Protein backbone atom coordinates (compact mmCIF):
# COMPACT_ATOMS: atom_id res chain seq x y z
CA UNK A 1 29.66 146.79 45.80
CA UNK A 2 25.88 146.90 43.56
CA UNK A 3 25.78 150.80 42.58
CA UNK A 4 22.71 150.81 44.70
CA UNK A 5 24.33 149.81 47.56
CA UNK A 6 27.25 152.08 46.95
CA UNK A 7 24.57 155.00 47.02
CA UNK A 8 22.98 154.51 49.99
CA UNK A 9 25.85 154.25 52.23
CA UNK A 10 27.62 157.07 50.76
CA UNK A 11 24.60 159.32 51.12
CA UNK A 12 23.91 157.92 55.10
CA UNK A 13 27.99 158.42 55.64
CA UNK A 14 27.80 162.07 54.65
CA UNK A 15 24.38 163.27 55.35
CA UNK A 16 25.65 161.84 59.09
CA UNK A 17 28.49 163.78 59.62
CA UNK A 18 26.72 166.16 58.08
CA UNK A 19 24.45 166.54 61.25
CA UNK A 20 26.98 165.50 63.84
CA UNK A 21 29.23 168.05 62.52
CA UNK A 22 29.17 170.68 65.43
CA UNK A 23 32.68 172.75 65.05
CA UNK A 24 33.77 175.34 62.77
CA UNK A 25 35.94 175.30 60.19
CA UNK A 26 35.96 178.40 57.69
CA UNK A 27 33.94 181.53 57.91
CA UNK A 28 33.23 181.00 54.18
CA UNK A 29 30.39 178.09 54.97
CA UNK A 30 28.65 180.86 56.95
CA UNK A 31 29.16 184.14 55.64
CA UNK A 32 29.61 182.97 51.00
CA UNK A 33 26.94 179.80 51.71
CA UNK A 34 24.32 180.37 54.36
CA UNK A 35 24.01 184.15 55.61
CA UNK A 36 23.56 185.89 52.24
CA UNK A 37 20.48 183.24 52.19
CA UNK A 38 19.26 183.92 55.19
CA UNK A 39 19.24 187.78 54.43
CA UNK A 40 17.54 186.92 50.79
CA UNK A 41 14.51 185.17 52.73
CA UNK A 42 14.11 186.43 56.33
CA UNK A 43 15.34 190.40 55.44
CA UNK A 44 18.23 190.85 58.00
CA UNK A 45 21.11 189.05 59.15
CA UNK A 46 25.52 190.07 58.42
CA UNK A 47 26.35 190.24 54.96
CA UNK A 48 30.31 190.85 53.96
CA UNK A 49 32.22 193.29 52.01
CA UNK A 50 31.56 190.67 48.89
CA UNK A 51 28.27 191.13 49.10
CA UNK A 52 27.49 194.77 50.10
CA UNK A 53 30.37 196.06 47.80
CA UNK A 54 29.96 197.55 43.89
CA UNK A 55 29.60 195.57 42.25
CA UNK A 56 29.91 192.03 44.14
CA UNK A 57 32.36 189.68 43.76
CA UNK A 58 30.77 186.99 44.62
CA UNK A 59 27.75 185.00 42.66
CA UNK A 60 24.57 184.24 44.41
CA UNK A 61 24.21 181.03 42.54
CA UNK A 62 25.94 178.54 45.65
CA UNK A 63 23.94 180.62 48.35
CA UNK A 64 20.78 180.21 46.66
CA UNK A 65 20.96 176.42 46.74
CA UNK A 66 20.05 177.47 50.50
CA UNK A 67 17.34 179.85 49.34
CA UNK A 68 14.34 177.29 49.25
CA UNK A 69 15.33 175.53 52.03
CA UNK A 70 15.13 178.62 54.03
CA UNK A 71 11.88 179.67 52.45
CA UNK A 72 10.09 176.07 53.06
CA UNK A 73 11.17 176.64 57.05
CA UNK A 74 9.55 180.12 57.10
CA UNK A 75 6.23 179.42 55.27
CA UNK A 76 5.59 176.17 57.40
CA UNK A 77 6.34 178.14 60.38
CA UNK A 78 9.35 176.00 61.47
CA UNK A 79 12.43 178.69 61.12
CA UNK A 80 12.72 178.69 64.86
CA UNK A 81 13.12 174.90 65.01
CA UNK A 82 16.09 173.52 64.99
CA UNK A 83 15.43 172.56 61.30
CA UNK A 84 17.31 176.35 60.64
CA UNK A 85 20.55 174.20 61.14
CA UNK A 86 20.26 170.81 60.27
CA UNK A 87 18.04 171.22 56.98
CA UNK A 88 20.56 172.74 55.06
CA UNK A 89 23.22 170.79 56.81
CA UNK A 90 21.16 167.89 54.72
CA UNK A 91 21.42 169.11 51.70
CA UNK A 92 24.83 169.40 51.43
CA UNK A 93 25.36 166.17 52.95
CA UNK A 94 23.43 164.53 49.82
CA UNK A 95 25.50 166.97 47.19
CA UNK A 96 28.67 165.70 48.97
CA UNK A 97 27.62 162.20 48.17
CA UNK A 98 28.11 162.85 44.97
CA UNK A 99 31.48 162.88 45.59
CA UNK A 100 31.99 159.79 46.67
CA UNK A 101 29.65 158.26 43.81
CA UNK A 102 31.31 159.77 40.80
CA UNK A 103 34.86 159.00 42.28
CA UNK A 104 33.92 155.15 41.29
CA UNK A 105 33.23 155.45 37.98
CA UNK A 106 36.71 158.05 37.29
CA UNK A 107 38.06 155.13 39.02
CA UNK A 108 36.54 152.32 36.91
CA UNK A 109 37.26 154.44 33.31
CA UNK A 110 41.06 155.10 34.71
CA UNK A 111 41.93 151.87 36.19
CA UNK A 112 38.95 149.65 35.65
CA UNK A 113 36.40 148.22 38.07
CA UNK A 114 39.00 145.65 40.28
CA UNK A 115 40.23 149.66 41.44
CA UNK A 116 36.64 151.03 42.18
CA UNK A 117 35.85 149.18 45.88
CA UNK A 118 39.18 150.36 47.40
CA UNK A 119 38.67 154.07 45.68
CA UNK A 120 35.30 153.74 46.88
CA UNK A 121 36.57 152.71 50.33
CA UNK A 122 39.32 155.61 50.39
CA UNK A 123 37.27 158.20 49.58
CA UNK A 124 34.80 157.66 52.43
CA UNK A 125 37.25 157.50 54.90
CA UNK A 126 39.13 159.99 53.69
CA UNK A 127 39.79 162.25 56.81
CA UNK A 128 39.57 165.68 54.99
CA UNK A 129 36.18 164.38 53.01
CA UNK A 130 35.04 163.82 56.93
CA UNK A 131 36.18 167.57 57.71
CA UNK A 132 34.96 169.49 54.61
CA UNK A 133 33.22 167.66 52.35
CA UNK A 134 29.58 167.50 53.95
CA UNK A 135 29.61 171.53 54.84
CA UNK A 136 28.20 174.41 53.30
CA UNK A 137 31.34 175.55 51.10
CA UNK A 138 31.78 176.36 47.60
CA UNK A 139 35.07 174.18 47.13
CA UNK A 140 33.11 170.90 48.28
CA UNK A 141 30.35 171.95 45.77
CA UNK A 142 32.97 172.35 43.09
CA UNK A 143 34.79 169.02 44.47
CA UNK A 144 31.57 167.03 43.33
CA UNK A 145 30.71 169.19 40.10
CA UNK A 146 34.54 168.48 38.76
CA UNK A 147 34.71 164.51 40.07
CA UNK A 148 31.29 164.28 38.27
CA UNK A 149 33.00 166.04 34.89
CA UNK A 150 35.81 163.70 35.21
CA UNK A 151 33.50 160.93 34.82
CA UNK A 152 32.29 161.58 31.83
CA UNK A 153 35.35 162.83 29.76
CA UNK A 154 36.42 160.00 28.03
CA UNK A 155 39.68 158.52 29.30
CA UNK A 156 39.81 155.53 27.09
CA UNK A 157 41.60 157.34 23.45
CA UNK A 158 40.95 154.24 21.36
CA UNK A 159 36.78 154.85 22.24
CA UNK A 160 35.46 157.82 20.71
CA UNK A 161 32.74 159.33 23.01
CA UNK A 162 29.34 160.10 22.10
CA UNK A 163 28.25 163.77 21.74
CA UNK A 164 25.81 163.01 24.93
CA UNK A 165 28.49 162.19 26.79
CA UNK A 166 30.56 165.43 26.18
CA UNK A 167 27.59 167.27 26.25
CA UNK A 168 27.12 165.99 30.52
CA UNK A 169 30.29 166.73 30.64
CA UNK A 170 30.50 170.43 28.89
CA UNK A 171 27.54 170.98 31.92
CA UNK A 172 29.89 169.99 34.75
CA UNK A 173 32.03 171.85 33.30
CA UNK A 174 29.91 174.91 33.67
CA UNK A 175 28.31 173.88 36.84
CA UNK A 176 31.65 173.85 38.92
CA UNK A 177 33.03 176.77 37.22
CA UNK A 178 29.79 178.87 37.84
CA UNK A 179 30.69 177.84 42.20
CA UNK A 180 34.27 178.59 41.34
CA UNK A 181 35.71 180.03 38.33
CA UNK A 182 38.95 179.38 39.27
CA UNK A 183 38.07 175.66 38.31
CA UNK A 184 38.47 176.27 34.48
CA UNK A 185 42.67 175.49 35.36
CA UNK A 186 41.97 172.47 35.85
CA UNK A 187 40.21 172.04 31.53
CA UNK A 188 42.48 173.96 30.72
CA UNK A 189 44.34 171.15 30.98
CA UNK A 190 41.97 168.19 30.24
CA UNK A 191 40.61 169.79 26.77
CA UNK A 192 43.91 169.50 24.62
CA UNK A 193 44.21 165.99 24.59
CA UNK A 194 40.46 165.31 24.67
CA UNK A 195 40.62 168.15 21.22
CA UNK A 196 43.67 165.77 19.96
CA UNK A 197 41.88 162.54 20.62
CA UNK A 198 38.52 163.80 18.54
CA UNK A 199 40.24 164.76 15.35
CA UNK A 200 40.04 160.98 13.96
CA UNK A 201 36.17 162.49 13.87
CA UNK A 202 35.99 166.12 12.20
CA UNK A 203 32.11 166.10 12.50
CA UNK A 204 32.52 165.29 16.41
CA UNK A 205 35.15 167.92 16.88
CA UNK A 206 32.99 170.01 15.20
CA UNK A 207 29.88 169.43 17.47
CA UNK A 208 32.28 169.44 20.48
CA UNK A 209 33.73 172.67 19.81
CA UNK A 210 30.46 174.59 19.04
CA UNK A 211 28.46 172.66 22.30
CA UNK A 212 31.77 174.18 24.46
CA UNK A 213 31.35 177.97 22.82
CA UNK A 214 27.51 177.43 23.41
CA UNK A 215 27.82 176.04 26.87
CA UNK A 216 30.49 179.31 28.02
CA UNK A 217 27.59 182.14 26.41
CA UNK A 218 24.67 180.10 28.23
CA UNK A 219 26.54 180.14 31.46
CA UNK A 220 27.93 184.15 31.44
CA UNK A 221 24.66 184.75 29.96
CA UNK A 222 22.85 182.97 32.82
CA UNK A 223 25.55 184.27 35.42
CA UNK A 224 25.32 187.66 34.54
CA UNK A 225 21.40 187.33 34.58
CA UNK A 226 20.35 186.02 38.55
CA UNK A 227 23.58 188.27 39.89
CA UNK A 228 22.42 191.58 37.50
CA UNK A 229 18.83 190.76 39.36
CA UNK A 230 19.97 190.35 42.62
CA UNK A 231 22.51 192.90 43.10
CA UNK A 232 20.35 195.84 41.09
CA UNK A 233 23.32 196.49 38.14
CA UNK A 234 25.12 194.95 35.53
CA UNK A 235 26.88 192.66 37.55
CA UNK A 236 29.64 189.49 35.84
CA UNK A 237 30.72 187.84 39.12
CA UNK A 238 33.62 185.97 37.76
CA UNK A 239 35.00 188.70 36.27
CA UNK A 240 34.56 190.96 39.15
CA UNK A 241 35.98 188.13 41.33
CA UNK A 242 38.94 187.60 39.34
CA UNK A 243 39.93 191.58 39.79
CA UNK A 244 39.72 191.81 43.08
CA UNK A 245 41.80 188.22 43.96
CA UNK A 246 43.96 189.73 41.35
CA UNK A 247 44.90 192.58 43.08
CA UNK A 248 46.57 192.39 47.41
CA UNK A 249 43.05 192.38 48.66
CA UNK A 250 43.67 188.39 48.07
CA UNK A 251 46.86 189.31 50.39
CA UNK A 252 44.95 190.30 52.87
CA UNK A 253 43.59 187.32 53.40
CA UNK A 254 47.41 185.50 53.74
CA UNK A 255 50.01 184.46 51.66
CA UNK A 256 51.95 181.20 51.95
CA UNK A 257 55.30 180.39 50.33
CA UNK A 258 55.46 178.07 46.66
CA UNK A 259 56.28 174.96 48.68
CA UNK A 260 52.81 175.24 50.59
CA UNK A 261 50.75 173.29 48.86
CA UNK A 262 53.33 170.49 48.15
CA UNK A 263 54.31 170.53 51.71
CA UNK A 264 51.13 171.60 54.17
CA UNK A 265 48.30 170.83 51.83
CA UNK A 266 48.85 167.36 50.39
CA UNK A 267 49.16 166.02 53.68
CA UNK A 268 46.35 167.01 54.87
CA UNK A 269 44.57 166.42 51.68
CA UNK A 270 45.15 163.37 51.52
CA UNK A 271 45.98 162.02 54.74
CA UNK A 272 47.07 158.91 56.51
CA UNK A 273 47.03 157.66 52.77
CA UNK A 274 50.18 160.23 51.68
CA UNK A 275 52.69 157.46 51.08
CA UNK A 276 49.84 155.20 49.12
CA UNK A 277 49.51 158.72 46.74
CA UNK A 278 53.03 159.21 46.58
CA UNK A 279 53.63 155.11 45.66
CA UNK A 280 50.23 155.24 43.02
CA UNK A 281 52.16 158.76 41.53
CA UNK A 282 55.02 156.73 40.94
CA UNK A 283 53.76 154.02 39.20
CA UNK A 284 51.61 155.66 37.29
CA UNK A 285 54.70 157.73 36.20
CA UNK A 286 56.45 154.48 35.66
CA UNK A 287 53.76 151.89 34.36
CA UNK A 288 50.85 154.16 33.05
CA UNK A 289 48.19 153.41 31.80
CA UNK A 290 48.00 156.34 29.81
CA UNK A 291 44.04 157.81 31.66
CA UNK A 292 46.23 157.24 35.20
CA UNK A 293 49.33 159.01 33.91
CA UNK A 294 46.75 162.14 32.48
CA UNK A 295 44.67 162.61 35.58
CA UNK A 296 48.13 162.16 37.55
CA UNK A 297 49.31 165.02 35.22
CA UNK A 298 46.22 166.90 35.58
CA UNK A 299 46.48 167.14 39.24
CA UNK A 300 50.26 168.25 39.38
CA UNK A 301 48.98 170.61 36.66
CA UNK A 302 46.71 172.48 39.00
CA UNK A 303 48.12 172.32 41.70
CA UNK A 304 51.00 173.88 40.62
CA UNK A 305 49.37 176.53 38.66
CA UNK A 306 47.53 177.33 42.01
CA UNK A 307 51.38 177.73 43.56
CA UNK A 308 51.57 181.00 41.83
CA UNK A 309 48.73 182.83 43.98
CA UNK A 310 50.21 184.58 47.07
CA UNK A 311 47.21 183.70 48.80
CA UNK A 312 46.92 179.62 49.12
CA UNK A 313 44.63 177.66 51.23
CA UNK A 314 43.94 173.77 51.94
CA UNK A 315 40.75 174.12 50.67
CA UNK A 316 41.04 175.44 46.98
CA UNK A 317 42.37 171.58 46.19
CA UNK A 318 39.57 169.92 47.55
CA UNK A 319 38.55 168.92 43.95
CA UNK A 320 42.09 167.06 43.82
CA UNK A 321 40.94 164.74 46.28
CA UNK A 322 39.55 162.41 44.31
CA UNK A 323 42.27 161.79 42.12
CA UNK A 324 44.64 160.91 45.29
CA UNK A 325 42.09 158.52 46.31
CA UNK A 326 42.91 156.99 42.51
CA UNK A 327 46.35 157.17 42.83
CA UNK A 328 45.99 155.71 46.36
CA UNK A 329 43.36 152.48 44.46
CA UNK A 330 46.82 152.22 42.34
CA UNK A 331 49.23 151.20 45.29
CA UNK A 332 47.75 149.10 47.01
CA UNK A 333 45.83 147.25 45.15
CA UNK A 334 49.46 146.43 44.12
CA UNK A 335 50.66 145.94 46.95
CA UNK A 336 47.72 143.31 47.72
CA UNK A 337 48.69 141.51 44.66
CA UNK A 338 52.22 140.96 45.45
CA UNK A 339 51.13 139.75 48.47
CA UNK A 340 48.62 137.35 47.53
CA UNK A 341 49.69 135.42 43.93
CA UNK A 342 47.30 134.52 42.45
CA UNK A 343 47.92 130.87 43.69
CA UNK A 344 47.85 131.59 47.63
CA UNK A 345 44.73 129.94 49.46
CA UNK A 346 44.24 133.15 51.41
CA UNK A 347 40.74 134.15 51.33
CA UNK A 348 40.38 137.27 49.10
CA UNK A 349 39.89 140.87 50.12
CA UNK A 350 36.33 142.30 49.19
CA UNK A 351 38.35 145.27 48.78
CA UNK A 352 41.06 144.12 46.67
CA UNK A 353 43.48 145.37 49.82
CA UNK A 354 45.06 144.50 53.09
CA UNK A 355 42.89 144.22 56.14
CA UNK A 356 45.74 145.64 57.83
CA UNK A 357 45.78 148.95 55.11
CA UNK A 358 42.03 149.09 55.28
CA UNK A 359 42.09 148.92 59.48
CA UNK A 360 45.15 151.04 59.51
CA UNK A 361 43.64 153.40 56.72
CA UNK A 362 40.62 153.22 58.79
CA UNK A 363 41.47 154.43 62.35
CA UNK A 364 44.34 157.06 61.37
CA UNK A 365 41.63 158.93 59.17
CA UNK A 366 38.10 158.19 61.86
CA UNK A 367 40.17 159.59 65.32
CA UNK A 368 40.83 163.30 63.42
CA UNK A 369 37.82 163.58 62.20
CA UNK A 370 35.86 162.94 64.76
CA UNK A 371 38.22 165.52 66.60
CA UNK A 372 37.42 167.84 63.85
CA UNK A 373 33.87 166.90 63.82
CA UNK A 374 32.61 167.06 67.74
CA UNK A 375 35.94 169.09 69.34
CA UNK A 376 37.70 171.56 67.50
CA UNK A 377 36.56 174.88 67.36
CA UNK A 378 33.35 173.99 69.00
CA UNK A 379 32.29 176.73 71.09
CA UNK A 380 31.97 178.78 68.38
CA UNK A 381 28.77 176.95 67.04
CA UNK A 382 27.79 176.37 70.84
CA UNK A 383 27.51 179.89 71.68
CA UNK A 384 24.91 180.41 68.48
CA UNK A 385 22.75 177.49 69.90
CA UNK A 386 23.39 178.88 73.46
CA UNK A 387 22.11 182.42 72.74
CA UNK A 388 19.89 181.68 70.13
CA UNK A 389 17.62 179.48 73.39
CA UNK A 390 18.07 182.36 75.97
CA UNK A 391 14.19 184.46 76.41
CA UNK A 392 13.58 187.38 74.53
CA UNK A 393 13.70 189.23 77.78
CA UNK A 394 17.11 188.44 77.97
CA UNK A 395 18.65 188.55 75.74
CA UNK A 396 18.03 192.33 73.64
CA UNK A 397 21.58 192.80 72.06
CA UNK A 398 24.99 191.34 71.35
CA UNK A 399 28.23 192.21 70.86
CA UNK A 400 31.38 189.90 69.67
CA UNK A 401 34.81 191.19 71.10
CA UNK A 402 36.25 188.81 68.68
CA UNK A 403 38.33 188.64 65.14
CA UNK A 404 35.67 188.83 62.57
CA UNK A 405 34.19 185.95 61.04
CA UNK A 406 34.63 183.91 64.33
CA UNK A 407 30.83 182.50 65.07
CA UNK A 408 28.49 181.91 62.31
CA UNK A 409 25.50 184.99 62.02
CA UNK A 410 22.01 185.01 61.78
CA UNK A 411 22.06 181.58 60.47
CA UNK A 412 22.40 180.10 63.45
CA UNK A 413 21.22 183.13 65.87
CA UNK A 414 18.06 184.36 63.91
CA UNK A 415 16.83 187.21 66.05
CA UNK A 416 15.84 190.08 64.56
CA UNK A 417 18.17 192.50 67.84
CA UNK A 418 20.66 194.32 67.63
CA UNK A 419 24.18 192.51 67.15
CA UNK A 420 27.14 194.08 66.53
CA UNK A 421 30.82 192.24 65.36
CA UNK A 422 34.82 194.03 64.80
CA UNK A 423 34.86 194.31 61.35
CA UNK A 424 37.58 193.25 59.12
CA UNK A 425 37.40 195.07 55.22
CA UNK A 426 40.43 194.35 53.21
CA UNK A 427 42.10 197.44 51.17
CA UNK A 428 39.57 198.13 48.75
CA UNK A 429 40.87 201.66 48.05
CA UNK A 430 44.16 201.36 47.33
CA UNK A 431 45.80 201.51 50.77
CA UNK A 432 49.20 199.99 50.83
CA UNK A 433 49.03 196.26 52.40
CA UNK A 434 52.25 196.62 54.76
CA UNK A 435 50.96 199.09 56.61
CA UNK A 436 46.82 198.75 56.66
CA UNK A 437 44.91 197.74 59.63
CA UNK A 438 41.33 196.73 59.91
CA UNK A 439 39.14 197.35 62.86
CA UNK A 440 39.87 194.19 64.65
CA UNK A 441 44.07 194.67 64.66
CA UNK A 442 43.39 198.10 65.88
CA UNK A 443 41.43 196.46 68.87
CA UNK A 444 43.79 193.64 69.61
CA UNK A 445 46.47 195.81 69.57
CA UNK A 446 45.11 197.93 72.76
CA UNK A 447 41.78 196.65 73.57
CA UNK A 448 40.97 199.23 76.93
CA UNK A 449 41.59 202.16 74.78
CA UNK A 450 39.71 201.01 71.81
CA UNK A 451 36.77 200.36 74.10
CA UNK A 452 37.35 204.04 75.73
CA UNK A 453 37.43 205.47 72.77
CA UNK A 454 34.40 203.83 70.77
CA UNK A 455 32.03 202.83 73.64
CA UNK A 456 29.95 205.19 75.70
CA UNK A 457 31.05 206.19 79.09
CA UNK A 458 27.95 204.68 80.47
CA UNK A 459 25.47 201.49 79.40
CA UNK A 460 22.54 202.39 78.21
CA UNK A 461 20.22 200.45 79.40
CA UNK A 462 17.71 200.38 77.30
CA UNK A 463 20.60 198.61 74.93
CA UNK A 464 19.65 200.48 71.27
CA UNK A 465 21.43 199.39 68.14
CA UNK A 466 24.91 200.61 67.32
CA UNK A 467 24.88 204.06 65.95
CA UNK A 468 28.55 203.12 63.78
CA UNK A 469 29.16 206.64 62.59
CA UNK A 470 32.04 205.53 62.22
CA UNK A 471 32.98 202.42 64.18
CA UNK A 472 30.65 203.50 67.72
CA UNK A 473 29.03 201.11 69.74
CA UNK A 474 26.79 200.73 71.56
CA UNK A 475 26.96 198.59 74.94
CA UNK A 476 25.07 195.39 74.48
CA UNK A 477 23.09 193.16 77.06
CA UNK A 478 25.45 190.41 75.80
CA UNK A 479 29.23 190.30 75.12
CA UNK A 480 30.81 187.45 73.10
CA UNK A 481 34.53 186.67 73.45
CA UNK A 482 37.18 184.29 73.49
CA UNK A 483 39.14 183.95 77.25
CA UNK A 484 42.31 185.09 75.63
CA UNK A 485 41.12 188.77 75.36
CA UNK A 486 40.69 188.44 79.39
CA UNK A 487 44.46 187.99 79.55
CA UNK A 488 44.74 191.34 78.35
CA UNK A 489 45.63 194.32 80.78
CA UNK A 490 42.77 196.13 81.81
CA UNK A 491 40.56 194.40 79.83
CA UNK A 492 38.44 192.63 82.73
CA UNK A 493 38.19 194.96 85.09
CA UNK A 494 36.89 197.54 82.01
CA UNK A 495 34.05 195.07 81.79
CA UNK A 496 33.29 194.44 85.35
CA UNK A 497 33.42 198.23 85.94
CA UNK A 498 30.01 198.28 83.31
CA UNK A 499 28.74 195.83 85.67
CA UNK A 500 28.88 192.73 83.27
CA UNK A 501 30.13 189.21 84.60
CA UNK A 502 30.49 185.92 83.13
CA UNK A 503 27.45 183.75 82.12
CA UNK A 504 28.46 180.60 79.73
CA UNK A 505 31.49 179.72 79.02
CA UNK A 506 32.62 175.98 76.94
CA UNK A 507 36.13 174.88 75.47
CA UNK A 508 37.78 175.23 72.28
CA UNK A 509 40.08 172.47 71.66
CA UNK A 510 43.60 173.46 70.39
CA UNK A 511 43.59 176.89 68.59
CA UNK A 512 46.97 178.47 66.75
CA UNK A 513 45.83 181.71 67.24
CA UNK A 514 47.01 182.81 70.34
CA UNK A 515 43.65 185.71 69.74
CA UNK A 516 41.42 182.48 70.05
CA UNK A 517 42.47 181.17 72.72
CA UNK A 518 41.08 179.62 75.99
CA UNK A 519 37.55 178.65 75.42
CA UNK A 520 34.31 181.06 74.39
CA UNK A 521 32.66 183.43 77.01
CA UNK A 522 29.92 184.95 77.12
CA UNK A 523 29.79 188.07 79.70
CA UNK A 524 25.86 189.24 80.56
CA UNK A 525 25.32 192.61 82.05
CA UNK A 526 23.62 192.00 85.33
CA UNK A 527 23.96 188.22 85.81
CA UNK A 528 25.05 187.06 89.12
CA UNK A 529 27.74 185.17 89.39
CA UNK A 530 26.49 181.92 90.32
CA UNK A 531 24.19 181.09 87.19
CA UNK A 532 27.39 180.05 85.01
CA UNK A 533 26.32 178.03 82.31
CA UNK A 534 29.12 175.31 80.91
């Protein structure tokens, strides 16, 4: 397949996936990307503690990618249109296509041109790529930048790279580590064999070390400048991020056993290609070639280091998925060769793999990918679309009685009205993690008691903003909640006593968290019961 055709196909696939996706996956898709950018451009929105703490632990660099889009929409008075949501999706879809394109180059350098079509096919049909790659998450862009850097890595130890190639390699590493500082774990493993390879040319080794040190200094200087300008105080966010996450704060968001990535994440990341990934890993270990063996060792090293951290998530290993596709391609092509010897009269496959394998892999990825893009947690996005379409005379304030960050915020609502949500700040001041409870925990422990203690006895029909002094709320015109909350004793009666009735509902697919089950509901004060939208 020509590179231009591959580029066009990758762009079409990733942008299409981005535009059709209407589901909620991770809060960071919004609160670490779109929401800070929206706040920066429009001057209002929902900033989490990572952005409001002094000093902040997040860099403005990744959210800043969305700033020009919001700024143009604002200047052209298009921010009230569907482009507010669609335009960032297109940009992140375009960035995602870089993973599909660069993995072709990595496959060519580690295995050879014959394995490129199979690798490209696996990348395009990957379930986890369909789920996550086109979303506005830093791990997704990290995956693209990591794959690009691997594309410039000198895998062939017999050929010395050029200084230009090594500089491009360093630039992509710098960008990836700027987006997520933990990306450096991968390069800590790959730099020693590179330095050993360059020892044959002392001049090239010397300039590479010089360029590496210069790249580190320039990158840290630029990050310090941008983040200090944004926060208004001297700020080096990579250091702040590592300092906070080395504490118990990261464990507040969940901990997992050491084998989590091996037992839970690997099957999800590899998807239906998992058997071929494992077979390809075996072939790499036993038969090589050396570049593929080094790539496998990189995957093992990175996964092992991440396994030492208490807090684990699938997406943290997203940058390793392209390498898994290369390992799977090694397996699939070898199985095809074994079934189709050179003297065979069967027509050759354009992918270099069995048609049965291609069909099964595509089908087993497509079905769950469509579910994840169109239905799973779709109501958490649909509720914002519904609210945004309500007239100003009707929608005057909103309250979210949900686990915190269960929906996007102003990046999808875009209304200058009072909006409150239950908070979930971690123990930032040395509180004991085992006994600490955030506001969301306190609410769901006894919802009726919380409503009685933190809300007025009567509904103020002017619907003023909440006082928040501290955690004091005003009754809004619209309450957003999961249906499961209504099964808690006394909750429905308490809401009806204040004049609220259900105005909208939508199903939300399969949900593990019992607090998020039974779909999403909107309860509006004073709405007639016969005006429910479904």
